[in-house]
Amino acid sequence: MEETLLELLCAPVSHAALRVASAVELGQINSQIRQRLVRNRDGATLDLELDGSLVCESESTCYPIRDGLPVLISGEAFDWPQKS
């Protein structure tokens, strides 16, 4: 994702800053998605691996990136890191 675009985006509820998940984080997220362990805030289990993710550290959440587009809808966010 282009750095200038990222500077314009923020978390939809808290308006906190977002950052692109690292390759390691994305690998961990997709591993948990394959195991069907990730639920979004609307309660749906994520079925498809993500192209990327935007992390909001102040909320401990992630917003998915699908088909190269960030999905900044509060119900689509999921907790990260996963809480046990």
PDB file of N, CA and C in Angstrom:
ATOM      1  N   MET A   1       0.845  -1.173   0.000  1.00  0.00           N
ATOM      2  CA  MET A   1       0.000   0.000   0.000  1.00  0.00           C
ATOM      3  C   MET A   1       0.889   1.234   0.000  1.00  0.00           C
ATOM      4  N   GLU A   2       0.499   2.186  -0.774  1.00  0.00           N
ATOM      5  CA  GLU A   2       1.276   3.407  -0.912  1.00  0.00           C
ATOM      6  C   GLU A   2       1.284   4.200   0.403  1.00  0.00           C
ATOM      7  N   GLU A   3       2.468   4.667   0.795  1.00  0.00           N
ATOM      8  CA  GLU A   3       2.643   5.377   2.069  1.00  0.00           C
ATOM      9  C   GLU A   3       1.761   6.622   2.161  1.00  0.00           C
ATOM     10  N   THR A   4       1.613   7.361   1.072  1.00  0.00           N
ATOM     11  CA  THR A   4       0.792   8.578   1.123  1.00  0.00           C
ATOM     12  C   THR A   4      -0.673   8.249   1.354  1.00  0.00           C
ATOM     13  N   LEU A   5      -1.153   7.134   0.796  1.00  0.00           N
ATOM     14  CA  LEU A   5      -2.530   6.708   1.038  1.00  0.00           C
ATOM     15  C   LEU A   5      -2.707   6.287   2.494  1.00  0.00           C
ATOM     16  N   LEU A   6      -1.748   5.550   3.014  1.00  0.00           N
ATOM     17  CA  LEU A   6      -1.824   5.084   4.396  1.00  0.00           C
ATOM     18  C   LEU A   6      -1.907   6.251   5.377  1.00  0.00           C
ATOM     19  N   GLU A   7      -1.220   7.336   5.074  1.00  0.00           N
ATOM     20  CA  GLU A   7      -1.259   8.514   5.949  1.00  0.00           C
ATOM     21  C   GLU A   7      -2.652   9.133   6.014  1.00  0.00           C
ATOM     22  N   LEU A   8      -3.470   8.915   5.004  1.00  0.00           N
ATOM     23  CA  LEU A   8      -4.822   9.477   4.967  1.00  0.00           C
ATOM     24  C   LEU A   8      -5.853   8.603   5.678  1.00  0.00           C
ATOM     25  N   LEU A   9      -5.510   7.339   5.895  1.00  0.00           N
ATOM     26  CA  LEU A   9      -6.455   6.397   6.493  1.00  0.00           C
ATOM     27  C   LEU A   9      -6.331   6.372   8.007  1.00  0.00           C
ATOM     28  N   CYS A  10      -7.454   6.046   8.658  1.00  0.00           N
ATOM     29  CA  CYS A  10      -7.444   5.866  10.111  1.00  0.00           C
ATOM     30  C   CYS A  10      -8.512   4.845  10.472  1.00  0.00           C
ATOM     31  N   ALA A  11      -8.449   4.338  11.693  1.00  0.00           N
ATOM     32  CA  ALA A  11      -9.451   3.395  12.170  1.00  0.00           C
ATOM     33  C   ALA A  11     -10.811   4.096  12.193  1.00  0.00           C
ATOM     34  N   PRO A  12     -11.867   3.431  11.719  1.00  0.00           N
ATOM     35  CA  PRO A  12     -13.157   4.105  11.582  1.00  0.00           C
ATOM     36  C   PRO A  12     -13.814   4.529  12.889  1.00  0.00           C
ATOM     37  N   VAL A  13     -13.584   3.819  13.974  1.00  0.00           N
ATOM     38  CA  VAL A  13     -14.235   4.172  15.238  1.00  0.00           C
ATOM     39  C   VAL A  13     -13.375   5.123  16.070  1.00  0.00           C
ATOM     40  N   SER A  14     -12.116   4.757  16.304  1.00  0.00           N
ATOM     41  CA  SER A  14     -11.251   5.541  17.184  1.00  0.00           C
ATOM     42  C   SER A  14     -10.484   6.641  16.448  1.00  0.00           C
ATOM     43  N   HIS A  15     -10.427   6.548  15.129  1.00  0.00           N
ATOM     44  CA  HIS A  15      -9.647   7.472  14.291  1.00  0.00           C
ATOM     45  C   HIS A  15      -8.152   7.393  14.583  1.00  0.00           C
ATOM     46  N   ALA A  16      -7.714   6.270  15.161  1.00  0.00           N
ATOM     47  CA  ALA A  16      -6.306   6.054  15.471  1.00  0.00           C
ATOM     48  C   ALA A  16      -5.545   5.689  14.196  1.00  0.00           C
ATOM     49  N   ALA A  17      -4.234   5.807  14.271  1.00  0.00           N
ATOM     50  CA  ALA A  17      -3.363   5.505  13.137  1.00  0.00           C
ATOM     51  C   ALA A  17      -3.378   4.014  12.810  1.00  0.00           C
ATOM     52  N   LEU A  18      -3.129   3.725  11.536  1.00  0.00           N
ATOM     53  CA  LEU A  18      -3.032   2.354  11.057  1.00  0.00           C
ATOM     54  C   LEU A  18      -1.656   2.130  10.453  1.00  0.00           C
ATOM     55  N   ARG A  19      -1.224   0.874  10.468  1.00  0.00           N
ATOM     56  CA  ARG A  19       0.018   0.506   9.799  1.00  0.00           C
ATOM     57  C   ARG A  19      -0.221  -0.811   9.079  1.00  0.00           C
ATOM     58  N   VAL A  20       0.567  -1.062   8.074  1.00  0.00           N
ATOM     59  CA  VAL A  20       0.463  -2.305   7.321  1.00  0.00           C
ATOM     60  C   VAL A  20       1.082  -3.434   8.150  1.00  0.00           C
ATOM     61  N   ALA A  21       0.378  -4.552   8.244  1.00  0.00           N
ATOM     62  CA  ALA A  21       0.904  -5.719   8.959  1.00  0.00           C
ATOM     63  C   ALA A  21       2.160  -6.213   8.253  1.00  0.00           C
ATOM     64  N   SER A  22       3.146  -6.604   9.040  1.00  0.00           N
ATOM     65  CA  SER A  22       4.381  -7.152   8.476  1.00  0.00           C
ATOM     66  C   SER A  22       4.091  -8.505   7.829  1.00  0.00           C
ATOM     67  N   ALA A  23       5.037  -8.979   7.044  1.00  0.00           N
ATOM     68  CA  ALA A  23       4.897 -10.289   6.399  1.00  0.00           C
ATOM     69  C   ALA A  23       4.741 -11.395   7.440  1.00  0.00           C
ATOM     70  N   VAL A  24       5.460 -11.278   8.544  1.00  0.00           N
ATOM     71  CA  VAL A  24       5.363 -12.276   9.621  1.00  0.00           C
ATOM     72  C   VAL A  24       3.969 -12.236  10.234  1.00  0.00           C
ATOM     73  N   GLU A  25       3.481 -11.031  10.545  1.00  0.00           N
ATOM     74  CA  GLU A  25       2.135 -10.906  11.122  1.00  0.00           C
ATOM     75  C   GLU A  25       1.078 -11.450  10.162  1.00  0.00           C
ATOM     76  N   LEU A  26       1.187 -11.109   8.881  1.00  0.00           N
ATOM     77  CA  LEU A  26       0.217 -11.586   7.905  1.00  0.00           C
ATOM     78  C   LEU A  26       0.251 -13.114   7.815  1.00  0.00           C
ATOM     79  N   GLY A  27       1.429 -13.688   7.882  1.00  0.00           N
ATOM     80  CA  GLY A  27       1.539 -15.150   7.896  1.00  0.00           C
ATOM     81  C   GLY A  27       0.845 -15.760   9.097  1.00  0.00           C
ATOM     82  N   GLN A  28       1.000 -15.133  10.260  1.00  0.00           N
ATOM     83  CA  GLN A  28       0.334 -15.623  11.468  1.00  0.00           C
ATOM     84  C   GLN A  28      -1.184 -15.486  11.354  1.00  0.00           C
ATOM     85  N   ILE A  29      -1.640 -14.357  10.834  1.00  0.00           N
ATOM     86  CA  ILE A  29      -3.081 -14.136  10.652  1.00  0.00           C
ATOM     87  C   ILE A  29      -3.652 -15.179   9.707  1.00  0.00           C
ATOM     88  N   ASN A  30      -3.009 -15.366   8.556  1.00  0.00           N
ATOM     89  CA  ASN A  30      -3.523 -16.330   7.582  1.00  0.00           C
ATOM     90  C   ASN A  30      -3.465 -17.760   8.094  1.00  0.00           C
ATOM     91  N   SER A  31      -2.471 -18.076   8.909  1.00  0.00           N
ATOM     92  CA  SER A  31      -2.404 -19.401   9.526  1.00  0.00           C
ATOM     93  C   SER A  31      -3.612 -19.621  10.431  1.00  0.00           C
ATOM     94  N   GLN A  32      -3.963 -18.614  11.218  1.00  0.00           N
ATOM     95  CA  GLN A  32      -5.125 -18.742  12.104  1.00  0.00           C
ATOM     96  C   GLN A  32      -6.433 -18.762  11.310  1.00  0.00           C
ATOM     97  N   ILE A  33      -6.476 -18.042  10.185  1.00  0.00           N
ATOM     98  CA  ILE A  33      -7.665 -18.090   9.333  1.00  0.00           C
ATOM     99  C   ILE A  33      -7.844 -19.496   8.767  1.00  0.00           C
ATOM    100  N   ARG A  34      -6.748 -20.119   8.311  1.00  0.00           N
ATOM    101  CA  ARG A  34      -6.824 -21.494   7.784  1.00  0.00           C
ATOM    102  C   ARG A  34      -7.342 -22.463   8.843  1.00  0.00           C
ATOM    103  N   GLN A  35      -7.035 -22.190  10.114  1.00  0.00           N
ATOM    104  CA  GLN A  35      -7.497 -23.038  11.211  1.00  0.00           C
ATOM    105  C   GLN A  35      -8.899 -22.643  11.693  1.00  0.00           C
ATOM    106  N   ARG A  36      -9.475 -21.618  11.033  1.00  0.00           N
ATOM    107  CA  ARG A  36     -10.814 -21.109  11.353  1.00  0.00           C
ATOM    108  C   ARG A  36     -10.897 -20.581  12.785  1.00  0.00           C
ATOM    109  N   LEU A  37      -9.865 -19.872  13.198  1.00  0.00           N
ATOM    110  CA  LEU A  37      -9.793 -19.333  14.560  1.00  0.00           C
ATOM    111  C   LEU A  37     -10.060 -17.834  14.636  1.00  0.00           C
ATOM    112  N   VAL A  38     -10.286 -17.187  13.491  1.00  0.00           N
ATOM    113  CA  VAL A  38     -10.429 -15.728  13.480  1.00  0.00           C
ATOM    114  C   VAL A  38     -11.880 -15.358  13.189  1.00  0.00           C
ATOM    115  N   ARG A  39     -12.463 -14.586  14.113  1.00  0.00           N
ATOM    116  CA  ARG A  39     -13.820 -14.060  13.925  1.00  0.00           C
ATOM    117  C   ARG A  39     -13.747 -12.545  13.894  1.00  0.00           C
ATOM    118  N   ASN A  40     -14.531 -11.958  13.002  1.00  0.00           N
ATOM    119  CA  ASN A  40     -14.563 -10.505  12.970  1.00  0.00           C
ATOM    120  C   ASN A  40     -15.524  -9.982  14.037  1.00  0.00           C
ATOM    121  N   ARG A  41     -15.603  -8.677  14.164  1.00  0.00           N
ATOM    122  CA  ARG A  41     -16.433  -8.068  15.203  1.00  0.00           C
ATOM    123  C   ARG A  41     -17.923  -8.343  14.999  1.00  0.00           C
ATOM    124  N   ASP A  42     -18.316  -8.661  13.760  1.00  0.00           N
ATOM    125  CA  ASP A  42     -19.708  -9.029  13.500  1.00  0.00           C
ATOM    126  C   ASP A  42     -19.978 -10.485  13.861  1.00  0.00           C
ATOM    127  N   GLY A  43     -18.939 -11.238  14.244  1.00  0.00           N
ATOM    128  CA  GLY A  43     -19.097 -12.629  14.664  1.00  0.00           C
ATOM    129  C   GLY A  43     -18.891 -13.657  13.571  1.00  0.00           C
ATOM    130  N   ALA A  44     -18.603 -13.227  12.357  1.00  0.00           N
ATOM    131  CA  ALA A  44     -18.392 -14.163  11.249  1.00  0.00           C
ATOM    132  C   ALA A  44     -16.957 -14.697  11.278  1.00  0.00           C
ATOM    133  N   THR A  45     -16.812 -15.984  11.017  1.00  0.00           N
ATOM    134  CA  THR A  45     -15.493 -16.595  10.917  1.00  0.00           C
ATOM    135  C   THR A  45     -14.892 -16.243   9.565  1.00  0.00           C
ATOM    136  N   LEU A  46     -13.648 -15.788   9.569  1.00  0.00           N
ATOM    137  CA  LEU A  46     -12.969 -15.478   8.314  1.00  0.00           C
ATOM    138  C   LEU A  46     -12.599 -16.780   7.627  1.00  0.00           C
ATOM    139  N   ASP A  47     -12.993 -16.913   6.360  1.00  0.00           N
ATOM    140  CA  ASP A  47     -12.754 -18.140   5.597  1.00  0.00           C
ATOM    141  C   ASP A  47     -11.610 -18.012   4.612  1.00  0.00           C
ATOM    142  N   LEU A  48     -11.422 -16.816   4.068  1.00  0.00           N
ATOM    143  CA  LEU A  48     -10.423 -16.615   3.028  1.00  0.00           C
ATOM    144  C   LEU A  48      -9.205 -15.888   3.575  1.00  0.00           C
ATOM    145  N   GLU A  49      -8.039 -16.369   3.167  1.00  0.00           N
ATOM    146  CA  GLU A  49      -6.810 -15.697   3.576  1.00  0.00           C
ATOM    147  C   GLU A  49      -6.802 -14.271   3.042  1.00  0.00           C
ATOM    148  N   LEU A  50      -6.087 -13.396   3.737  1.00  0.00           N
ATOM    149  CA  LEU A  50      -6.054 -11.983   3.392  1.00  0.00           C
ATOM    150  C   LEU A  50      -4.860 -11.654   2.510  1.00  0.00           C
ATOM    151  N   ASP A  51      -5.047 -10.657   1.636  1.00  0.00           N
ATOM    152  CA  ASP A  51      -3.952 -10.124   0.824  1.00  0.00           C
ATOM    153  C   ASP A  51      -3.017  -9.300   1.695  1.00  0.00           C
ATOM    154  N   GLY A  52      -3.580  -8.712   2.741  1.00  0.00           N
ATOM    155  CA  GLY A  52      -2.849  -7.859   3.661  1.00  0.00           C
ATOM    156  C   GLY A  52      -3.778  -7.456   4.783  1.00  0.00           C
ATOM    157  N   SER A  53      -3.258  -6.663   5.685  1.00  0.00           N
ATOM    158  CA  SER A  53      -4.056  -6.226   6.818  1.00  0.00           C
ATOM    159  C   SER A  53      -3.500  -4.910   7.345  1.00  0.00           C
ATOM    160  N   LEU A  54      -4.395  -4.065   7.824  1.00  0.00           N
ATOM    161  CA  LEU A  54      -4.003  -2.822   8.478  1.00  0.00           C
ATOM    162  C   LEU A  54      -4.194  -3.009   9.976  1.00  0.00           C
ATOM    163  N   VAL A  55      -3.159  -2.733  10.729  1.00  0.00           N
ATOM    164  CA  VAL A  55      -3.166  -2.929  12.178  1.00  0.00           C
ATOM    165  C   VAL A  55      -3.403  -1.596  12.870  1.00  0.00           C
ATOM    166  N   CYS A  56      -4.326  -1.605  13.825  1.00  0.00           N
ATOM    167  CA  CYS A  56      -4.537  -0.453  14.694  1.00  0.00           C
ATOM    168  C   CYS A  56      -4.054  -0.873  16.078  1.00  0.00           C
ATOM    169  N   GLU A  57      -2.878  -0.421  16.438  1.00  0.00           N
ATOM    170  CA  GLU A  57      -2.281  -0.850  17.700  1.00  0.00           C
ATOM    171  C   GLU A  57      -3.055  -0.342  18.908  1.00  0.00           C
ATOM    172  N   SER A  58      -3.643   0.842  18.828  1.00  0.00           N
ATOM    173  CA  SER A  58      -4.361   1.383  19.987  1.00  0.00           C
ATOM    174  C   SER A  58      -5.639   0.592  20.271  1.00  0.00           C
ATOM    175  N   GLU A  59      -6.219  -0.036  19.242  1.00  0.00           N
ATOM    176  CA  GLU A  59      -7.428  -0.846  19.427  1.00  0.00           C
ATOM    177  C   GLU A  59      -7.107  -2.338  19.525  1.00  0.00           C
ATOM    178  N   SER A  60      -5.879  -2.733  19.224  1.00  0.00           N
ATOM    179  CA  SER A  60      -5.487  -4.148  19.117  1.00  0.00           C
ATOM    180  C   SER A  60      -6.372  -4.881  18.116  1.00  0.00           C
ATOM    181  N   THR A  61      -6.611  -4.225  16.977  1.00  0.00           N
ATOM    182  CA  THR A  61      -7.431  -4.815  15.931  1.00  0.00           C
ATOM    183  C   THR A  61      -6.725  -4.733  14.590  1.00  0.00           C
ATOM    184  N   CYS A  62      -7.258  -5.501  13.649  1.00  0.00           N
ATOM    185  CA  CYS A  62      -6.808  -5.463  12.270  1.00  0.00           C
ATOM    186  C   CYS A  62      -8.007  -5.264  11.370  1.00  0.00           C
ATOM    187  N   TYR A  63      -7.762  -4.583  10.273  1.00  0.00           N
ATOM    188  CA  TYR A  63      -8.754  -4.410   9.225  1.00  0.00           C
ATOM    189  C   TYR A  63      -8.219  -5.118   7.993  1.00  0.00           C
ATOM    190  N   PRO A  64      -9.035  -5.977   7.374  1.00  0.00           N
ATOM    191  CA  PRO A  64      -8.542  -6.757   6.237  1.00  0.00           C
ATOM    192  C   PRO A  64      -8.297  -5.907   5.001  1.00  0.00           C
ATOM    193  N   ILE A  65      -7.383  -6.381   4.175  1.00  0.00           N
ATOM    194  CA  ILE A  65      -7.185  -5.841   2.834  1.00  0.00           C
ATOM    195  C   ILE A  65      -7.563  -6.965   1.888  1.00  0.00           C
ATOM    196  N   ARG A  66      -8.582  -6.714   1.062  1.00  0.00           N
ATOM    197  CA  ARG A  66      -9.052  -7.719   0.108  1.00  0.00           C
ATOM    198  C   ARG A  66      -8.999  -7.133  -1.289  1.00  0.00           C
ATOM    199  N   ASP A  67      -8.453  -7.899  -2.207  1.00  0.00           N
ATOM    200  CA  ASP A  67      -8.302  -7.448  -3.600  1.00  0.00           C
ATOM    201  C   ASP A  67      -7.587  -6.107  -3.666  1.00  0.00           C
ATOM    202  N   GLY A  68      -6.649  -5.907  -2.747  1.00  0.00           N
ATOM    203  CA  GLY A  68      -5.848  -4.693  -2.732  1.00  0.00           C
ATOM    204  C   GLY A  68      -6.515  -3.483  -2.101  1.00  0.00           C
ATOM    205  N   LEU A  69      -7.740  -3.654  -1.597  1.00  0.00           N
ATOM    206  CA  LEU A  69      -8.477  -2.530  -1.004  1.00  0.00           C
ATOM    207  C   LEU A  69      -8.693  -2.749   0.489  1.00  0.00           C
ATOM    208  N   PRO A  70      -8.383  -1.747   1.321  1.00  0.00           N
ATOM    209  CA  PRO A  70      -8.634  -1.887   2.760  1.00  0.00           C
ATOM    210  C   PRO A  70     -10.134  -1.846   3.041  1.00  0.00           C
ATOM    211  N   VAL A  71     -10.575  -2.728   3.918  1.00  0.00           N
ATOM    212  CA  VAL A  71     -11.984  -2.788   4.313  1.00  0.00           C
ATOM    213  C   VAL A  71     -12.086  -2.142   5.692  1.00  0.00           C
ATOM    214  N   LEU A  72     -12.376  -0.849   5.704  1.00  0.00           N
ATOM    215  CA  LEU A  72     -12.403  -0.086   6.954  1.00  0.00           C
ATOM    216  C   LEU A  72     -13.829   0.033   7.473  1.00  0.00           C
ATOM    217  N   ILE A  73     -14.418  -1.121   7.761  1.00  0.00           N
ATOM    218  CA  ILE A  73     -15.758  -1.216   8.334  1.00  0.00           C
ATOM    219  C   ILE A  73     -15.580  -1.847   9.710  1.00  0.00           C
ATOM    220  N   SER A  74     -16.105  -1.213  10.742  1.00  0.00           N
ATOM    221  CA  SER A  74     -15.833  -1.672  12.111  1.00  0.00           C
ATOM    222  C   SER A  74     -16.209  -3.133  12.330  1.00  0.00           C
ATOM    223  N   GLY A  75     -17.283  -3.611  11.732  1.00  0.00           N
ATOM    224  CA  GLY A  75     -17.686  -5.007  11.898  1.00  0.00           C
ATOM    225  C   GLY A  75     -16.764  -5.999  11.230  1.00  0.00           C
ATOM    226  N   GLU A  76     -15.963  -5.548  10.270  1.00  0.00           N
ATOM    227  CA  GLU A  76     -15.018  -6.416   9.575  1.00  0.00           C
ATOM    228  C   GLU A  76     -13.689  -6.543  10.324  1.00  0.00           C
ATOM    229  N   ALA A  77     -13.464  -5.688  11.315  1.00  0.00           N
ATOM    230  CA  ALA A  77     -12.226  -5.736  12.097  1.00  0.00           C
ATOM    231  C   ALA A  77     -12.188  -7.016  12.936  1.00  0.00           C
ATOM    232  N   PHE A  78     -10.982  -7.456  13.262  1.00  0.00           N
ATOM    233  CA  PHE A  78     -10.817  -8.612  14.146  1.00  0.00           C
ATOM    234  C   PHE A  78      -9.703  -8.315  15.127  1.00  0.00           C
ATOM    235  N   ASP A  79      -9.788  -8.956  16.287  1.00  0.00           N
ATOM    236  CA  ASP A  79      -8.799  -8.745  17.333  1.00  0.00           C
ATOM    237  C   ASP A  79      -7.434  -9.269  16.891  1.00  0.00           C
ATOM    238  N   TRP A  80      -6.402  -8.488  17.183  1.00  0.00           N
ATOM    239  CA  TRP A  80      -5.039  -8.922  16.926  1.00  0.00           C
ATOM    240  C   TRP A  80      -4.117  -8.223  17.895  1.00  0.00           C
ATOM    241  N   PRO A  81      -3.251  -8.909  18.613  1.00  0.00           N
ATOM    242  CA  PRO A  81      -3.099 -10.346  18.531  1.00  0.00           C
ATOM    243  C   PRO A  81      -4.314 -11.064  19.092  1.00  0.00           C
ATOM    244  N   GLN A  82      -4.488 -12.295  18.648  1.00  0.00           N
ATOM    245  CA  GLN A  82      -5.637 -13.080  19.099  1.00  0.00           C
ATOM    246  C   GLN A  82      -5.573 -13.262  20.605  1.00  0.00           C
ATOM    247  N   LYS A  83      -6.710 -13.100  21.226  1.00  0.00           N
ATOM    248  CA  LYS A  83      -6.795 -13.272  22.688  1.00  0.00           C
ATOM    249  C   LYS A  83      -7.124 -14.720  22.985  1.00  0.00           C
ATOM    250  N   SER A  84      -6.436 -15.272  23.982  1.00  0.00           N
ATOM    251  CA  SER A  84      -6.693 -16.682  24.302  1.00  0.00           C
ATOM    252  C   SER A  84      -7.819 -16.830  25.280  1.00  0.00           C
TER     253      SER A  84
END
